[in-house]
């Protein structure tokens, strides 16, 4: 995904030219705040290409739109995650590049004005980490269709066109042949997860059309409808209650009397789902 995005983002391309991507090592103790994303952000350590025995950190974050607190959030992540426990080092932190992928309806880059008013001496030192914002709308469809990793391509295009369900319906059939390179479980999981993601954005009137597009792609492999998978998972999530992290976050926030809009934002559940959970809580309280 980094390589694909770098084809249209010069700053990200320059960064990738400094690191050995084959050396990426997932940091197991990735950090996530309560109510922040609902799941861990993706963080890695990587060797530099100079051959020197030093590492840098790479932190990936996805946003569906503008977030005025994003830089503070990343700063907390870097402080909490990017550490090396080496007593011989004078400093335990890692120089870090934070890559924020976003698929909002408008361009968004708070870095453009962050150094306004500072003397030249302080330029480049305002943030304690490197940072680049990648607008998924800038990624080229043809680059994605030519990508060797079909999962990455489908995920990127799904995020790029999250607000344009008809474009997704147009593009999906182009991946039929490439999906044949994946085994059954991987392809089925990919399609169903993408469908779940898109249901948060796409108008309900397009859900059935999306369902049919996924069904068409998957029928040669014997997949059940992605829409069926989606509805089944949502039902199971409700039954599991606190075992499902998104539902657990929503229930906790509802219990704290948080506004519905805030619950929807941080739990990543639909308005209807949150209302259903709220109704369930009220009934339980009455009992």
Protein backbone atom coordinates (compact mmCIF):
# COMPACT_ATOMS: atom_id res chain seq x y z
CA UNK A 1 0.00 0.00 0.00
CA UNK A 2 2.91 2.35 0.76
CA UNK A 3 4.47 1.63 -2.63
CA UNK A 4 1.17 2.13 -4.41
CA UNK A 5 0.55 5.47 -2.68
CA UNK A 6 4.13 6.60 -3.35
CA UNK A 7 3.53 6.44 -7.10
CA UNK A 8 1.40 9.59 -6.71
CA UNK A 9 3.04 11.15 -3.64
CA UNK A 10 6.60 12.46 -4.08
CA UNK A 11 7.25 12.98 -0.37
CA UNK A 12 6.26 9.42 0.47
CA UNK A 13 8.40 8.14 -2.42
CA UNK A 14 11.42 10.04 -1.06
CA UNK A 15 10.87 8.51 2.36
CA UNK A 16 10.60 4.97 0.99
CA UNK A 17 13.91 5.45 -0.77
CA UNK A 18 15.56 5.72 2.66
CA UNK A 19 14.28 2.47 4.18
CA UNK A 20 14.47 -1.25 3.49
CA UNK A 21 10.85 -2.37 3.27
CA UNK A 22 11.94 -6.01 3.39
CA UNK A 23 13.07 -5.37 6.96
CA UNK A 24 9.65 -4.23 8.23
CA UNK A 25 8.95 -5.62 11.68
CA UNK A 26 5.52 -5.20 13.21
CA UNK A 27 5.64 -3.68 16.67
CA UNK A 28 3.48 -6.02 18.78
CA UNK A 29 2.65 -3.53 21.51
CA UNK A 30 0.91 -1.06 19.21
CA UNK A 31 -1.04 1.57 21.01
CA UNK A 32 -4.66 2.58 20.85
CA UNK A 33 -6.60 4.94 23.06
CA UNK A 34 -10.04 4.13 24.35
CA UNK A 35 -12.60 5.64 21.94
CA UNK A 36 -9.79 6.53 19.50
CA UNK A 37 -10.01 3.95 16.73
CA UNK A 38 -11.45 0.81 18.28
CA UNK A 39 -8.43 -1.21 17.23
CA UNK A 40 -4.66 -0.95 17.19
CA UNK A 41 -2.95 1.27 14.69
CA UNK A 42 -0.27 -0.34 12.56
CA UNK A 43 3.31 0.40 13.57
CA UNK A 44 6.61 -0.98 12.30
CA UNK A 45 10.34 -0.70 12.74
CA UNK A 46 12.53 -0.78 9.65
CA UNK A 47 16.24 -0.68 8.77
CA UNK A 48 17.59 2.29 6.85
CA UNK A 49 19.21 1.66 3.46
CA UNK A 50 22.54 3.26 4.36
CA UNK A 51 23.66 0.03 5.97
CA UNK A 52 24.05 1.71 9.35
CA UNK A 53 22.74 -0.35 12.30
CA UNK A 54 19.89 2.06 13.03
CA UNK A 55 16.13 1.81 12.75
CA UNK A 56 13.27 4.13 11.99
CA UNK A 57 9.60 3.86 12.89
CA UNK A 58 6.66 3.79 10.49
CA UNK A 59 3.17 4.43 11.82
CA UNK A 60 0.08 4.03 9.63
CA UNK A 61 -3.25 5.64 10.40
CA UNK A 62 -6.51 5.79 8.44
CA UNK A 63 -9.06 8.57 8.73
CA UNK A 64 -12.41 8.81 7.01
CA UNK A 65 -12.33 12.59 7.16
CA UNK A 66 -10.94 15.61 8.97
CA UNK A 67 -9.81 15.21 12.56
CA UNK A 68 -8.54 18.33 14.28
CA UNK A 69 -6.71 16.27 16.90
CA UNK A 70 -4.85 13.96 14.52
CA UNK A 71 -1.36 15.42 15.14
CA UNK A 72 -1.78 15.20 18.91
CA UNK A 73 -3.00 11.63 18.48
CA UNK A 74 0.03 10.67 16.38
CA UNK A 75 2.34 12.35 18.88
CA UNK A 76 0.93 10.17 21.67
CA UNK A 77 1.32 7.08 19.49
CA UNK A 78 4.95 7.90 18.72
CA UNK A 79 5.73 8.56 22.37
CA UNK A 80 4.08 5.32 23.48
CA UNK A 81 5.16 2.94 20.71
CA UNK A 82 8.36 4.04 19.04
CA UNK A 83 10.89 2.97 21.65
CA UNK A 84 14.03 0.85 21.72
CA UNK A 85 14.95 -0.68 25.07
CA UNK A 86 18.72 -0.53 24.59
CA UNK A 87 20.77 0.63 27.56
CA UNK A 88 23.63 1.59 25.25
CA UNK A 89 21.54 4.17 23.40
CA UNK A 90 21.59 7.78 24.56
CA UNK A 91 17.99 8.13 23.42
CA UNK A 92 15.39 5.38 23.37
CA UNK A 93 13.04 6.94 20.85
CA UNK A 94 12.90 6.25 17.12
CA UNK A 95 12.75 8.87 14.36
CA UNK A 96 9.32 8.16 12.93
CA UNK A 97 7.35 8.71 9.76
CA UNK A 98 3.60 8.83 10.28
CA UNK A 99 1.55 8.13 7.15
CA UNK A 100 -2.08 9.24 7.41
CA UNK A 101 -4.31 7.77 4.71
CA UNK A 102 -7.65 9.51 4.40
CA UNK A 103 -10.69 9.26 2.17
CA UNK A 104 -12.65 12.33 3.10
CA UNK A 105 -14.69 14.24 0.56
CA UNK A 106 -12.23 17.17 0.56
CA UNK A 107 -8.46 17.70 0.55
CA UNK A 108 -7.01 17.81 4.03
CA UNK A 109 -3.46 18.61 5.13
CA UNK A 110 -2.98 20.45 8.44
CA UNK A 111 0.79 20.41 7.91
CA UNK A 112 0.61 23.23 5.37
CA UNK A 113 0.12 25.92 8.00
CA UNK A 114 1.63 24.37 11.10
CA UNK A 115 4.92 26.27 10.77
CA UNK A 116 3.32 29.63 9.98
CA UNK A 117 4.80 32.37 12.17
CA UNK A 118 7.89 30.45 13.19
CA UNK A 119 11.37 31.82 12.35
CA UNK A 120 13.41 29.82 9.83
CA UNK A 121 15.47 28.40 12.70
CA UNK A 122 12.47 26.39 13.93
CA UNK A 123 11.27 25.11 10.55
CA UNK A 124 11.28 21.34 10.49
CA UNK A 125 11.33 21.06 14.28
CA UNK A 126 7.73 21.89 15.17
CA UNK A 127 6.62 18.25 15.16
CA UNK A 128 8.58 15.47 16.93
CA UNK A 129 8.06 13.18 13.93
CA UNK A 130 7.90 13.17 10.13
CA UNK A 131 4.41 13.16 8.71
CA UNK A 132 2.71 12.83 5.33
CA UNK A 133 -0.99 12.96 4.45
CA UNK A 134 -2.08 10.70 1.59
CA UNK A 135 -5.40 11.47 -0.05
CA UNK A 136 -6.63 8.15 -1.43
CA UNK A 137 -8.54 10.08 -4.09
CA UNK A 138 -5.15 10.90 -5.65
CA UNK A 139 -4.26 7.26 -6.25
CA UNK A 140 -4.73 6.20 -9.85
CA UNK A 141 -7.26 3.49 -10.74
CA UNK A 142 -4.95 2.03 -13.37
CA UNK A 143 -2.11 1.78 -10.83
CA UNK A 144 -4.45 -0.18 -8.58
CA UNK A 145 -5.69 -2.44 -11.36
CA UNK A 146 -2.07 -3.19 -12.30
CA UNK A 147 -1.02 -3.85 -8.69
CA UNK A 148 0.26 -7.40 -8.18
CA UNK A 149 -1.33 -7.58 -4.74
CA UNK A 150 -5.05 -7.84 -5.47
CA UNK A 151 -6.03 -7.43 -1.80
CA UNK A 152 -4.19 -4.12 -1.55
CA UNK A 153 -5.71 -2.87 -4.80
CA UNK A 154 -9.28 -3.70 -3.82
CA UNK A 155 -8.87 -2.22 -0.34
CA UNK A 156 -7.38 1.02 -1.70
CA UNK A 157 -10.12 1.46 -4.30
CA UNK A 158 -12.81 0.65 -1.75
CA UNK A 159 -11.51 3.41 0.50
CA UNK A 160 -11.00 5.78 -2.42
CA UNK A 161 -14.59 5.39 -3.60
CA UNK A 162 -16.24 4.85 -0.23
CA UNK A 163 -18.50 7.80 -1.00
CA UNK A 164 -19.22 6.64 -4.55
CA UNK A 165 -20.92 3.26 -4.45
CA UNK A 166 -21.64 3.22 -8.17
CA UNK A 167 -17.95 3.58 -8.97
CA UNK A 168 -17.24 0.57 -6.76
CA UNK A 169 -19.87 -1.42 -8.66
CA UNK A 170 -18.16 -0.41 -11.91
CA UNK A 171 -14.67 -1.37 -10.77
CA UNK A 172 -15.25 -4.61 -8.84
CA UNK A 173 -15.84 -6.88 -11.86
CA UNK A 174 -12.40 -5.94 -13.19
CA UNK A 175 -10.87 -7.97 -10.35
CA UNK A 176 -12.66 -11.25 -11.10
CA UNK A 177 -9.66 -12.93 -12.72
CA UNK A 178 -7.15 -11.66 -10.17
CA UNK A 179 -9.26 -12.92 -7.29
CA UNK A 180 -8.70 -16.41 -8.71
CA UNK A 181 -5.10 -16.13 -7.51
CA UNK A 182 -6.28 -16.06 -3.89
CA UNK A 183 -7.38 -19.10 -1.98
CA UNK A 184 -11.04 -19.42 -1.05
CA UNK A 185 -10.76 -18.23 2.56
CA UNK A 186 -8.60 -15.21 1.74
CA UNK A 187 -10.81 -14.05 -1.13
CA UNK A 188 -14.03 -14.61 0.81
CA UNK A 189 -12.69 -12.75 3.85
CA UNK A 190 -11.49 -9.88 1.64
CA UNK A 191 -14.85 -9.42 -0.06
CA UNK A 192 -16.92 -9.66 3.10
CA UNK A 193 -14.67 -7.24 5.03
CA UNK A 194 -14.75 -4.70 2.22
CA UNK A 195 -18.52 -4.98 2.15
CA UNK A 196 -18.70 -4.36 5.89
CA UNK A 197 -16.48 -1.31 5.49
CA UNK A 198 -18.52 0.14 2.64
CA UNK A 199 -21.79 -0.26 4.52
CA UNK A 200 -20.62 2.58 6.78
CA UNK A 201 -20.55 4.98 3.82
CA UNK A 202 -22.71 3.83 0.94
CA UNK A 203 -26.32 4.87 0.71
CA UNK A 204 -28.69 2.06 1.68
CA UNK A 205 -30.23 2.17 -1.79
CA UNK A 206 -26.92 0.94 -3.22
CA UNK A 207 -26.36 -1.89 -0.75
CA UNK A 208 -28.36 -4.40 -2.81
CA UNK A 209 -26.50 -3.44 -5.98
CA UNK A 210 -23.19 -3.83 -4.18
CA UNK A 211 -24.38 -7.16 -2.85
CA UNK A 212 -25.11 -8.35 -6.39
CA UNK A 213 -21.71 -7.11 -7.63
CA UNK A 214 -19.95 -9.09 -4.90
CA UNK A 215 -22.17 -12.09 -5.56
CA UNK A 216 -21.23 -11.95 -9.25
CA UNK A 217 -17.52 -11.85 -8.41
CA UNK A 218 -17.71 -14.65 -5.91
CA UNK A 219 -20.18 -17.10 -7.41
CA UNK A 220 -17.55 -18.94 -9.47
CA UNK A 221 -15.76 -19.72 -6.19
CA UNK A 222 -18.93 -20.74 -4.41
CA UNK A 223 -19.00 -17.70 -2.13
CA UNK A 224 -22.17 -16.83 -0.38
CA UNK A 225 -23.38 -13.28 -0.82
CA UNK A 226 -21.15 -10.67 0.80
CA UNK A 227 -24.33 -8.97 1.96
CA UNK A 228 -25.41 -12.19 3.66
CA UNK A 229 -22.02 -12.39 5.36
CA UNK A 230 -22.34 -8.79 6.46
CA UNK A 231 -25.77 -9.23 7.97
CA UNK A 232 -24.72 -12.46 9.68
CA UNK A 233 -21.66 -10.82 11.22
CA UNK A 234 -23.69 -7.88 12.46
CA UNK A 235 -26.18 -10.22 14.10
CA UNK A 236 -23.38 -12.22 15.70
CA UNK A 237 -21.73 -9.03 16.92
CA UNK A 238 -24.92 -8.01 18.72
CA UNK A 239 -25.21 -11.45 20.31
CA UNK A 240 -21.61 -11.40 21.49
CA UNK A 241 -22.06 -7.99 23.15
CA UNK A 242 -18.83 -6.97 24.82
CA UNK A 243 -16.88 -9.63 22.95
CA UNK A 244 -17.18 -7.39 19.91
CA UNK A 245 -14.93 -4.38 20.36
CA UNK A 246 -16.97 -1.87 18.39
CA UNK A 247 -20.17 -2.83 20.17
CA UNK A 248 -18.33 -2.74 23.50
CA UNK A 249 -17.09 0.80 22.84
CA UNK A 250 -20.60 1.93 21.87
CA UNK A 251 -22.18 0.33 24.94
CA UNK A 252 -19.61 1.91 27.27
CA UNK A 253 -20.14 5.34 25.75
CA UNK A 254 -23.92 5.01 25.87
CA UNK A 255 -23.64 4.03 29.51
CA UNK A 256 -21.69 7.27 30.07
CA UNK A 257 -24.50 9.22 28.36
CA UNK A 258 -22.24 10.33 25.51
CA UNK A 259 -24.01 12.04 22.56
CA UNK A 260 -25.17 9.67 19.82
CA UNK A 261 -23.04 11.48 17.21
CA UNK A 262 -19.92 10.88 19.28
CA UNK A 263 -20.80 7.22 19.84
CA UNK A 264 -21.21 6.74 16.08
CA UNK A 265 -17.89 8.46 15.37
CA UNK A 266 -15.79 6.46 17.80
CA UNK A 267 -17.49 3.07 17.56
CA UNK A 268 -17.69 3.12 13.74
CA UNK A 269 -21.17 1.65 13.96
CA UNK A 270 -24.10 2.86 11.89
CA UNK A 271 -26.68 5.26 13.31
CA UNK A 272 -29.28 2.48 13.20
CA UNK A 273 -27.00 0.07 15.07
CA UNK A 274 -26.25 2.57 17.82
CA UNK A 275 -29.96 3.35 18.17
CA UNK A 276 -30.64 -0.38 18.49
CA UNK A 277 -28.00 -0.73 21.20
CA UNK A 278 -29.39 2.30 23.01
CA UNK A 279 -32.87 0.82 22.88
CA UNK A 280 -31.56 -2.47 24.27
CA UNK A 281 -29.89 -0.64 27.13
CA UNK A 282 -33.07 1.24 27.98
CA UNK A 283 -35.08 -1.99 28.03
CA UNK A 284 -32.49 -3.66 30.25
CA UNK A 285 -32.58 -0.70 32.64
CA UNK A 286 -36.39 -0.82 32.84
CA UNK A 287 -36.27 -4.52 33.66
